[in-house]
Amino acid sequence: MSTGTADTTETQADPSDAEEPESALETARRQLEHAAAHLDVDPGVIERLKHPTTVHRVAVPLEHDDGSVNVYTGYRAQHDDVRGPYKGGLRYHPHVSEEECVGLSMWMTWKCAVMDLPFGGGKGGVVVDPRELSDGERERLTRRFAEELRKFVGPKKDIPAPDMGTDSQTMAWFMDAYSMQEGETIPGVVTGKPPVVGGSEGREEAPGRSVALITREAADYYDRDLDGLTVAVQGYGSVGANAARLLDDWGANVVAVSDTGGAVHDPAGLDTHAVPSFSEEQNAVTNHDAPETLEDGNDILELDVDVLIPAAVGNVITTENAADVEADLVVEGANGPTTFAADAILAERGVEVIPDILANAGGVTVSYFEWLQDINRRTWSLERVNDELESEMLSAWDDVRAEVEERDVTWRDAAYIVALRRIAEAKSVRGLWP
C-alpha cells in the first residue's frame, strides 16, 4: 500500500477537467506547459515546441499477393531538430494518425534531451494492420514507404527505428530500399537493424534493460532493498519481459505479469525466464502454471506490490483506476501509460512515478550507439553496449534526481525540466531564422 503525502503546493490539474483517454499530443503539450512553469524560458520557445517542424503525409500503394492494390496512408512527424537529426520509430498499426505521430515525436524530443543525446524527435507510421499482410506484402509496403520518405530521411536528417508492428527486419528492408536508391549502402539511415547489416548488439533488449536499471536506482533512492522487492509488469512484451527477467536475476520478486490474453500472479514469485514473452509466443502468459490467473490483464495494475511497471500501451492508468493503484512506485516502460489527470491523482496519493522519457530511454540511447557504429564503420561488443548504456542511464538519473531534490517536484516534472532547459538553451544560442 502506498504511504506518505505528496507535496501539493505546485499547481496540479483537476482530474475532472481531463477527458479520458487523452491523445499523446494533448498529454505532451500539457506536460510541456507544466514543466515550463518551473523555468524562466522565453514564451516564444515554448510556443514553438508545441508544434512540429513539419509532418509528411504520403500515399503508399501496395500490390497484394492476389494482385489487388490498396493505397495506405503513411506519416512522418518531425518535431524539433535544434540539437540534431530527428529520431524516432515507425509503426504499422490501424490507429496510426497524424495527431498521434506529432505527440509521440514531441516525446522523442524530450527523451533525447533528457538523455543528452544529439537528436531531436520524430515519429511516423503507416495506417495498416500488419497481421493482415504476408511477409512479402510487408516487405513491399516497407520498400515503397521508404521511397516515399526518401527525401525527408537520412543519417544526418531523420533516423527511423522499429516501433509497434515493425521490427529489425522492417528496418533492414527500409535501409536496403533507401541505399539502393542512393547508390551506396547507408546503414545509418535507420537503427534497430539486425547486427549483420549494421545493427547494434543489445538494441532489442535496451528499453527493458533501462527500465530495470532505473527501477534499481529508484529502489535504492527510497532505501528499498532490491532483494525481495515485489514487482508487477503489465505488458510482457519486449520491454516488459526484458525488464522483468533482469530484475528477477538481480533478486527482485516478480509476482505478476500480463499480456493481451490475461495475467498470472504468484505471491511467491514467478520464474520469469519460464514465462514466454509476447514475441516468443503470443498470448501465452496465462498458459504458465501459477496460483492465480487473471482474465483481464489490466487487473494487474491494482495489485498490492512495491513496484508497478506498465510496459504495454498508453493510457492504461487513468482517472478511473489511479485511486486503486496500490504500488509505492510506478516505473513507466511504455510510452504515455499514465494520463495527465491520473498523474495528478497518483502524486496526491504519494505514489512516485518515474516517467517514460527517462525509464525506457534505453532504446533511443542504444540507437544512438548504433548510429555511431554505422557512421564510423566500427562494431561494439555487447559488453561495451551494456556498459555504455548503464553509464548514460545513471548520468541521466543523477541529472533528474538533482532537480527532484532541488525543486521538490515530481520525477516527471524534473525530467521535463532537464529536457526543456537543454532544448531552450540550444534554441537561444542558435536563434530564430528571420
Protein backbone atom coordinates (compact mmCIF):
# COMPACT_ATOMS: atom_id res chain seq x y z
CA MET A 1 0.00 0.00 0.00
CA SER A 2 1.30 3.41 -0.86
CA THR A 3 2.09 5.64 2.09
CA GLY A 4 3.04 9.25 2.54
CA THR A 5 1.63 12.52 1.29
CA ALA A 6 2.87 14.28 -1.80
CA ASP A 7 3.73 17.96 -1.80
CA THR A 8 0.72 19.57 -3.48
CA THR A 9 1.92 23.16 -3.37
CA GLU A 10 2.58 23.10 -7.11
CA THR A 11 -0.37 23.69 -9.39
CA GLN A 12 -1.99 20.38 -10.29
CA ALA A 13 -4.57 19.69 -12.96
CA ASP A 14 -8.07 18.98 -11.73
CA PRO A 15 -8.63 15.36 -12.81
CA SER A 16 -12.25 16.15 -13.60
CA ASP A 17 -11.09 18.63 -16.25
CA ALA A 18 -9.43 15.98 -18.40
CA GLU A 19 -11.19 13.79 -20.90
CA GLU A 20 -10.32 10.11 -20.99
CA PRO A 21 -8.47 8.88 -22.87
CA GLU A 22 -6.09 11.68 -23.72
CA SER A 23 -4.23 11.81 -27.00
CA ALA A 24 -0.44 11.69 -26.98
CA LEU A 25 -0.40 15.26 -28.35
CA GLU A 26 -2.69 16.61 -25.63
CA THR A 27 -0.62 14.95 -22.92
CA ALA A 28 2.70 16.11 -24.42
CA ARG A 29 1.53 19.72 -24.60
CA ARG A 30 0.16 19.65 -21.04
CA GLN A 31 3.42 18.24 -19.74
CA LEU A 32 5.42 20.86 -21.64
CA GLU A 33 3.43 23.72 -20.12
CA HIS A 34 3.62 22.18 -16.65
CA ALA A 35 7.42 21.92 -16.84
CA ALA A 36 7.79 25.40 -18.35
CA ALA A 37 6.22 26.89 -15.22
CA HIS A 38 9.35 25.89 -13.30
CA LEU A 39 11.82 27.58 -15.68
CA ASP A 40 12.49 31.07 -16.95
CA VAL A 41 12.10 30.21 -20.63
CA ASP A 42 11.18 32.57 -23.45
CA PRO A 43 7.44 32.01 -24.10
CA GLY A 44 8.26 32.03 -27.80
CA VAL A 45 10.36 28.91 -27.34
CA ILE A 46 7.50 27.15 -25.56
CA GLU A 47 5.09 28.14 -28.32
CA ARG A 48 7.46 26.78 -30.97
CA LEU A 49 7.79 23.49 -29.10
CA LYS A 50 4.03 22.97 -29.06
CA HIS A 51 4.15 22.42 -32.81
CA PRO A 52 6.12 20.09 -35.09
CA THR A 53 8.55 21.49 -37.61
CA THR A 54 6.72 19.52 -40.29
CA VAL A 55 4.53 16.49 -40.88
CA HIS A 56 4.86 14.48 -44.09
CA ARG A 57 1.79 12.61 -45.30
CA VAL A 58 2.33 10.13 -48.11
CA ALA A 59 0.32 7.61 -50.10
CA VAL A 60 1.80 4.11 -50.04
CA PRO A 61 0.37 1.86 -52.78
CA LEU A 62 0.72 -1.88 -52.25
CA GLU A 63 0.08 -4.73 -54.66
CA HIS A 64 -1.15 -7.69 -52.63
CA ASP A 65 -0.26 -11.30 -53.27
CA ASP A 66 -3.59 -11.81 -55.09
CA GLY A 67 -2.88 -8.93 -57.48
CA SER A 68 -5.26 -6.44 -55.87
CA VAL A 69 -4.00 -2.97 -54.95
CA ASN A 70 -4.63 -0.88 -51.86
CA VAL A 71 -3.27 2.55 -51.06
CA TYR A 72 -2.30 3.10 -47.43
CA THR A 73 -1.60 6.40 -45.70
CA GLY A 74 1.80 6.99 -44.13
CA TYR A 75 3.07 9.76 -41.87
CA ARG A 76 6.38 11.11 -40.62
CA ALA A 77 6.20 13.83 -37.98
CA GLN A 78 9.41 15.78 -37.40
CA HIS A 79 9.07 17.75 -34.19
CA ASP A 80 12.34 19.53 -33.47
CA ASP A 81 15.94 19.24 -34.66
CA VAL A 82 17.67 22.04 -32.75
CA ARG A 83 20.00 19.52 -31.07
CA GLY A 84 20.46 17.15 -34.01
CA PRO A 85 18.68 14.94 -36.57
CA TYR A 86 15.13 13.81 -35.93
CA LYS A 87 14.96 10.39 -34.25
CA GLY A 88 12.04 8.07 -33.59
CA GLY A 89 10.14 4.96 -34.53
CA LEU A 90 8.00 3.86 -37.44
CA ARG A 91 4.89 1.91 -36.51
CA TYR A 92 2.44 -0.18 -38.52
CA HIS A 93 -0.95 -0.04 -36.83
CA PRO A 94 -4.55 0.59 -37.93
CA HIS A 95 -4.86 3.51 -35.49
CA VAL A 96 -1.82 5.47 -36.64
CA SER A 97 -2.80 9.12 -37.12
CA GLU A 98 -1.14 12.45 -37.76
CA GLU A 99 -2.00 13.67 -34.26
CA GLU A 100 -0.56 10.56 -32.64
CA CYS A 101 2.67 10.86 -34.63
CA VAL A 102 3.05 14.52 -33.64
CA GLY A 103 2.52 13.76 -29.96
CA LEU A 104 4.94 10.85 -29.98
CA SER A 105 7.53 12.89 -31.86
CA MET A 106 7.33 15.51 -29.11
CA TRP A 107 8.01 12.82 -26.50
CA MET A 108 11.03 11.74 -28.51
CA THR A 109 12.36 15.30 -28.42
CA TRP A 110 12.10 15.31 -24.61
CA LYS A 111 13.53 11.80 -24.32
CA CYS A 112 16.60 12.58 -26.41
CA ALA A 113 17.16 15.80 -24.47
CA VAL A 114 16.84 14.22 -21.02
CA MET A 115 19.42 11.64 -22.12
CA ASP A 116 21.55 14.46 -23.59
CA LEU A 117 21.68 12.76 -27.00
CA PRO A 118 22.41 14.86 -30.13
CA PHE A 119 18.99 14.12 -31.64
CA GLY A 120 15.56 15.70 -31.93
CA GLY A 121 12.21 13.98 -32.05
CA GLY A 122 10.46 12.21 -34.90
CA LYS A 123 7.74 9.58 -35.27
CA GLY A 124 5.85 8.00 -38.11
CA GLY A 125 3.97 5.05 -39.41
CA VAL A 126 1.50 3.53 -41.81
CA VAL A 127 -2.22 3.08 -41.16
CA VAL A 128 -2.31 -0.69 -41.62
CA ASP A 129 -2.78 -3.86 -39.63
CA PRO A 130 0.48 -5.76 -40.26
CA ARG A 131 -1.13 -9.01 -39.09
CA GLU A 132 -3.24 -8.96 -42.23
CA LEU A 133 -0.18 -8.81 -44.51
CA SER A 134 2.05 -11.63 -45.68
CA ASP A 135 5.81 -11.30 -45.26
CA GLY A 136 6.09 -10.39 -48.93
CA GLU A 137 3.41 -7.73 -48.63
CA ARG A 138 5.08 -6.20 -45.56
CA GLU A 139 8.35 -6.07 -47.45
CA ARG A 140 6.81 -4.37 -50.49
CA LEU A 141 4.93 -1.92 -48.25
CA THR A 142 8.12 -1.06 -46.37
CA ARG A 143 10.19 -0.56 -49.50
CA ARG A 144 7.57 1.73 -51.05
CA PHE A 145 7.22 3.66 -47.77
CA ALA A 146 10.99 4.11 -47.71
CA GLU A 147 10.89 5.52 -51.23
CA GLU A 148 8.07 7.93 -50.35
CA LEU A 149 10.05 9.21 -47.34
CA ARG A 150 13.47 9.15 -49.02
CA LYS A 151 13.72 12.94 -49.47
CA PHE A 152 12.95 13.53 -45.80
CA VAL A 153 15.13 10.96 -44.01
CA GLY A 154 18.83 10.16 -43.83
CA PRO A 155 21.61 9.68 -41.27
CA LYS A 156 22.02 13.46 -40.94
CA LYS A 157 18.33 14.36 -41.32
CA ASP A 158 15.95 11.87 -39.73
CA ILE A 159 16.71 8.37 -38.48
CA PRO A 160 13.73 6.00 -38.07
CA ALA A 161 13.68 2.91 -35.85
CA PRO A 162 11.35 -0.02 -35.08
CA ASP A 163 8.12 0.57 -33.20
CA MET A 164 4.75 -1.09 -32.76
CA GLY A 165 4.12 -3.52 -35.63
CA THR A 166 7.64 -3.22 -37.05
CA ASP A 167 10.90 -4.96 -36.21
CA SER A 168 14.55 -5.35 -37.16
CA GLN A 169 13.62 -6.99 -40.47
CA THR A 170 11.44 -4.00 -41.34
CA MET A 171 14.41 -1.73 -40.72
CA ALA A 172 16.65 -3.90 -42.90
CA TRP A 173 14.18 -3.61 -45.79
CA PHE A 174 13.89 0.15 -45.26
CA MET A 175 17.67 0.58 -45.19
CA ASP A 176 18.14 -1.54 -48.30
CA ALA A 177 15.48 0.34 -50.28
CA TYR A 178 16.97 3.70 -49.29
CA SER A 179 20.51 2.53 -50.07
CA MET A 180 19.56 1.14 -53.49
CA GLN A 181 18.06 4.49 -54.50
CA GLU A 182 21.03 6.44 -53.12
CA GLY A 183 23.51 4.19 -54.90
CA GLU A 184 25.52 3.23 -51.82
CA THR A 185 25.00 1.26 -48.63
CA ILE A 186 23.93 3.67 -45.89
CA PRO A 187 23.25 1.66 -42.72
CA GLY A 188 22.92 4.83 -40.60
CA VAL A 189 19.60 5.81 -42.19
CA VAL A 190 17.76 3.66 -39.61
CA THR A 191 18.56 1.97 -36.32
CA GLY A 192 17.24 -1.25 -34.84
CA LYS A 193 18.58 -3.33 -37.75
CA PRO A 194 19.93 -6.88 -37.43
CA PRO A 195 23.64 -6.76 -36.43
CA VAL A 196 24.64 -8.48 -39.68
CA VAL A 197 23.68 -5.32 -41.63
CA GLY A 198 24.91 -2.69 -39.20
CA GLY A 199 22.63 -3.13 -36.22
CA SER A 200 23.89 -2.95 -32.66
CA GLU A 201 24.16 -5.77 -30.17
CA GLY A 202 21.77 -5.21 -27.29
CA ARG A 203 19.40 -2.87 -29.16
CA GLU A 204 16.27 -5.01 -28.80
CA GLU A 205 16.79 -5.56 -25.08
CA ALA A 206 17.78 -1.94 -24.36
CA PRO A 207 14.40 -0.38 -23.42
CA GLY A 208 13.68 -3.16 -20.93
CA ARG A 209 17.22 -3.01 -19.62
CA SER A 210 16.93 0.71 -18.95
CA VAL A 211 13.62 0.18 -17.14
CA ALA A 212 15.33 -2.36 -14.89
CA LEU A 213 18.30 -0.06 -14.27
CA ILE A 214 16.07 2.86 -13.32
CA THR A 215 13.91 0.62 -11.10
CA ARG A 216 17.08 -0.47 -9.30
CA GLU A 217 18.20 3.14 -8.81
CA ALA A 218 14.76 4.26 -7.64
CA ALA A 219 14.55 1.41 -5.14
CA ASP A 220 17.94 2.39 -3.76
CA TYR A 221 16.92 6.07 -3.60
CA TYR A 222 13.92 5.17 -1.44
CA ASP A 223 16.01 2.82 0.73
CA ARG A 224 14.30 -0.29 -0.57
CA ASP A 225 16.32 -3.48 -0.88
CA LEU A 226 16.11 -4.86 -4.42
CA ASP A 227 16.33 -8.37 -2.99
CA GLY A 228 12.71 -9.39 -2.45
CA LEU A 229 11.20 -6.21 -3.93
CA THR A 230 7.78 -7.19 -5.29
CA VAL A 231 7.19 -6.20 -8.92
CA ALA A 232 4.21 -6.45 -11.28
CA VAL A 233 4.72 -6.00 -15.04
CA GLN A 234 1.77 -5.09 -17.22
CA GLY A 235 2.71 -5.96 -20.81
CA TYR A 236 5.07 -8.93 -21.09
CA GLY A 237 6.46 -7.96 -24.48
CA SER A 238 9.98 -6.97 -25.41
CA VAL A 239 10.21 -4.14 -22.86
CA GLY A 240 8.32 -5.80 -20.03
CA ALA A 241 9.90 -9.24 -20.33
CA ASN A 242 13.45 -7.94 -20.55
CA ALA A 243 12.89 -5.65 -17.56
CA ALA A 244 11.25 -8.42 -15.53
CA ARG A 245 13.93 -11.00 -16.25
CA LEU A 246 16.78 -8.65 -15.41
CA LEU A 247 15.14 -7.59 -12.15
CA ASP A 248 14.49 -11.25 -11.37
CA ASP A 249 18.17 -12.02 -11.97
CA TRP A 250 19.10 -9.20 -9.58
CA GLY A 251 16.96 -10.64 -6.80
CA ALA A 252 13.64 -8.82 -7.16
CA ASN A 253 10.44 -10.83 -6.71
CA VAL A 254 8.39 -10.52 -9.92
CA VAL A 255 4.97 -11.66 -8.72
CA ALA A 256 2.74 -10.88 -11.72
CA VAL A 257 2.99 -10.38 -15.47
CA SER A 258 0.38 -9.91 -18.19
CA ASP A 259 -0.16 -9.83 -21.94
CA THR A 260 -3.28 -9.22 -24.02
CA GLY A 261 -4.53 -12.70 -23.14
CA GLY A 262 -4.57 -12.13 -19.37
CA ALA A 263 -2.24 -12.24 -16.38
CA VAL A 264 -0.67 -14.68 -13.91
CA HIS A 265 0.02 -13.91 -10.25
CA ASP A 266 2.19 -15.78 -7.78
CA PRO A 267 2.95 -14.02 -4.45
CA ALA A 268 5.95 -16.33 -4.03
CA GLY A 269 7.44 -15.08 -7.30
CA LEU A 270 7.38 -16.19 -10.92
CA ASP A 271 10.20 -17.78 -12.86
CA THR A 272 10.28 -15.01 -15.44
CA HIS A 273 12.57 -16.94 -17.78
CA ALA A 274 9.98 -19.73 -17.94
CA VAL A 275 7.10 -17.40 -18.83
CA PRO A 276 7.08 -16.82 -22.62
CA SER A 277 7.14 -13.19 -23.71
CA PHE A 278 4.67 -11.96 -26.31
CA SER A 279 7.34 -12.07 -29.01
CA GLU A 280 8.28 -15.62 -28.06
CA GLU A 281 4.69 -16.89 -28.01
CA GLN A 282 1.73 -14.57 -28.35
CA ASN A 283 -0.86 -14.53 -25.55
CA ALA A 284 0.88 -17.40 -23.76
CA VAL A 285 1.34 -15.83 -20.33
CA THR A 286 -1.78 -17.48 -18.92
CA ASN A 287 -0.52 -20.90 -20.02
CA HIS A 288 2.13 -20.65 -17.31
CA ASP A 289 1.31 -22.60 -14.17
CA ALA A 290 0.61 -20.08 -11.41
CA PRO A 291 -1.64 -19.93 -8.32
CA GLU A 292 -3.82 -17.21 -9.80
CA THR A 293 -4.85 -16.34 -13.34
CA LEU A 294 -6.49 -13.02 -14.17
CA GLU A 295 -8.62 -12.91 -17.31
CA ASP A 296 -8.28 -9.15 -17.57
CA GLY A 297 -4.59 -8.29 -17.77
CA ASN A 298 -5.31 -4.73 -16.63
CA ASP A 299 -6.26 -6.05 -13.18
CA ILE A 300 -2.52 -6.32 -12.60
CA LEU A 301 -2.44 -2.53 -12.28
CA GLU A 302 -4.23 -2.76 -8.94
CA LEU A 303 -2.14 -5.44 -7.23
CA ASP A 304 -0.52 -4.62 -3.88
CA VAL A 305 3.15 -4.59 -4.91
CA ASP A 306 6.19 -2.42 -4.31
CA VAL A 307 6.75 -1.57 -7.98
CA LEU A 308 4.34 -1.46 -10.91
CA ILE A 309 5.81 -1.40 -14.43
CA PRO A 310 3.19 -0.56 -17.10
CA ALA A 311 5.01 -1.69 -20.25
CA ALA A 312 2.26 -2.26 -22.81
CA VAL A 313 0.48 0.73 -24.36
CA GLY A 314 -0.51 4.27 -23.48
CA ASN A 315 -3.39 5.49 -21.30
CA VAL A 316 -3.72 2.44 -19.04
CA ILE A 317 -3.55 4.35 -15.76
CA THR A 318 -6.45 6.80 -15.89
CA THR A 319 -8.77 8.69 -13.55
CA GLU A 320 -10.87 5.52 -13.38
CA ASN A 321 -8.18 3.37 -11.77
CA ALA A 322 -5.48 5.71 -10.44
CA ALA A 323 -7.01 5.65 -6.95
CA ASP A 324 -6.78 1.84 -6.97
CA VAL A 325 -3.06 1.62 -7.80
CA GLU A 326 -1.51 0.00 -4.71
CA ALA A 327 2.14 0.18 -5.72
CA ASP A 328 4.51 2.57 -3.98
CA LEU A 329 6.42 3.20 -7.20
CA VAL A 330 5.40 3.23 -10.87
CA VAL A 331 8.18 2.91 -13.46
CA GLU A 332 6.84 3.61 -16.94
CA GLY A 333 8.03 1.09 -19.51
CA ALA A 334 5.50 2.04 -22.18
CA ASN A 335 5.17 5.45 -23.81
CA GLY A 336 2.50 7.52 -22.07
CA PRO A 337 0.89 4.82 -19.89
CA THR A 338 -0.33 7.41 -17.36
CA THR A 339 -2.74 10.16 -18.36
CA PHE A 340 -2.07 13.70 -17.23
CA ALA A 341 -5.06 13.67 -14.87
CA ALA A 342 -4.16 10.27 -13.43
CA ASP A 343 -0.64 11.54 -12.81
CA ALA A 344 -2.07 14.25 -10.55
CA ILE A 345 -4.05 11.66 -8.59
CA LEU A 346 -1.00 9.48 -8.07
CA ALA A 347 1.04 12.48 -6.94
CA GLU A 348 -1.62 13.46 -4.41
CA ARG A 349 -1.61 9.90 -3.07
CA GLY A 350 2.17 9.84 -2.71
CA VAL A 351 2.75 7.26 -5.44
CA GLU A 352 6.08 8.07 -7.08
CA VAL A 353 6.11 7.84 -10.89
CA ILE A 354 9.35 7.55 -12.86
CA PRO A 355 8.43 8.82 -16.34
CA ASP A 356 8.80 7.04 -19.65
CA ILE A 357 11.14 9.67 -21.12
CA LEU A 358 13.73 8.54 -18.57
CA ALA A 359 12.86 4.94 -17.74
CA ASN A 360 12.51 3.45 -21.24
CA ALA A 361 15.12 5.68 -22.91
CA GLY A 362 17.48 2.74 -23.31
CA GLY A 363 16.06 2.12 -26.77
CA VAL A 364 16.96 5.50 -28.23
CA THR A 365 20.26 5.51 -26.33
CA VAL A 366 21.43 2.25 -27.91
CA SER A 367 20.04 3.52 -31.21
CA TYR A 368 22.47 6.39 -30.78
CA PHE A 369 25.25 3.86 -30.19
CA GLU A 370 24.17 2.02 -33.36
CA TRP A 371 24.23 5.27 -35.34
CA LEU A 372 27.74 5.98 -34.06
CA GLN A 373 28.87 2.50 -35.07
CA ASP A 374 27.32 2.90 -38.53
CA ILE A 375 28.80 6.30 -39.39
CA ASN A 376 32.22 5.25 -38.05
CA ARG A 377 32.06 1.72 -39.51
CA ARG A 378 33.04 0.27 -36.13
CA THR A 379 31.35 -2.53 -34.20
CA TRP A 380 30.89 -2.55 -30.43
CA SER A 381 30.68 -5.68 -28.28
CA LEU A 382 27.56 -6.42 -26.27
CA GLU A 383 29.55 -5.84 -23.10
CA ARG A 384 30.55 -2.36 -24.27
CA VAL A 385 27.00 -1.53 -25.30
CA ASN A 386 25.62 -2.55 -21.90
CA ASP A 387 28.37 -0.73 -20.03
CA GLU A 388 27.86 2.45 -22.05
CA LEU A 389 24.08 2.19 -21.61
CA GLU A 390 24.36 1.88 -17.85
CA SER A 391 26.70 4.85 -17.73
CA GLU A 392 24.30 7.01 -19.77
CA MET A 393 21.27 5.92 -17.74
CA LEU A 394 22.97 6.66 -14.42
CA SER A 395 24.07 10.06 -15.67
CA ALA A 396 20.52 10.94 -16.73
CA TRP A 397 19.17 9.58 -13.43
CA ASP A 398 21.55 11.84 -11.50
CA ASP A 399 20.51 14.89 -13.56
CA VAL A 400 16.81 14.24 -12.91
CA ARG A 401 17.34 13.35 -9.25
CA ALA A 402 19.14 16.65 -8.70
CA GLU A 403 16.09 18.56 -9.95
CA VAL A 404 13.75 16.49 -7.75
CA GLU A 405 15.79 17.34 -4.69
CA GLU A 406 16.46 20.99 -5.53
CA ARG A 407 12.96 21.97 -6.66
CA ASP A 408 10.80 19.49 -4.69
CA VAL A 409 8.93 18.44 -7.83
CA THR A 410 7.73 15.11 -9.19
CA TRP A 411 10.05 12.87 -11.17
CA ARG A 412 8.13 13.65 -14.34
CA ASP A 413 8.40 17.39 -13.85
CA ALA A 414 12.10 17.01 -13.06
CA ALA A 415 12.74 15.03 -16.26
CA TYR A 416 10.89 17.62 -18.35
CA ILE A 417 12.78 20.44 -16.64
CA VAL A 418 16.10 18.81 -17.57
CA ALA A 419 14.96 18.27 -21.16
CA LEU A 420 13.33 21.66 -21.64
CA ARG A 421 16.29 23.56 -20.23
CA ARG A 422 18.65 21.86 -22.70
CA ILE A 423 16.35 22.45 -25.67
CA ALA A 424 15.68 26.08 -24.69
CA GLU A 425 19.40 26.79 -24.32
CA ALA A 426 20.07 25.31 -27.76
CA LYS A 427 17.30 27.40 -29.33
CA SER A 428 18.52 30.53 -27.58
CA VAL A 429 22.08 30.03 -28.84
CA ARG A 430 21.02 29.20 -32.40
CA GLY A 431 18.38 31.95 -32.55
CA LEU A 432 15.35 32.20 -34.83
CA TRP A 433 15.81 32.41 -38.60
CA PRO A 434 14.03 35.60 -39.79
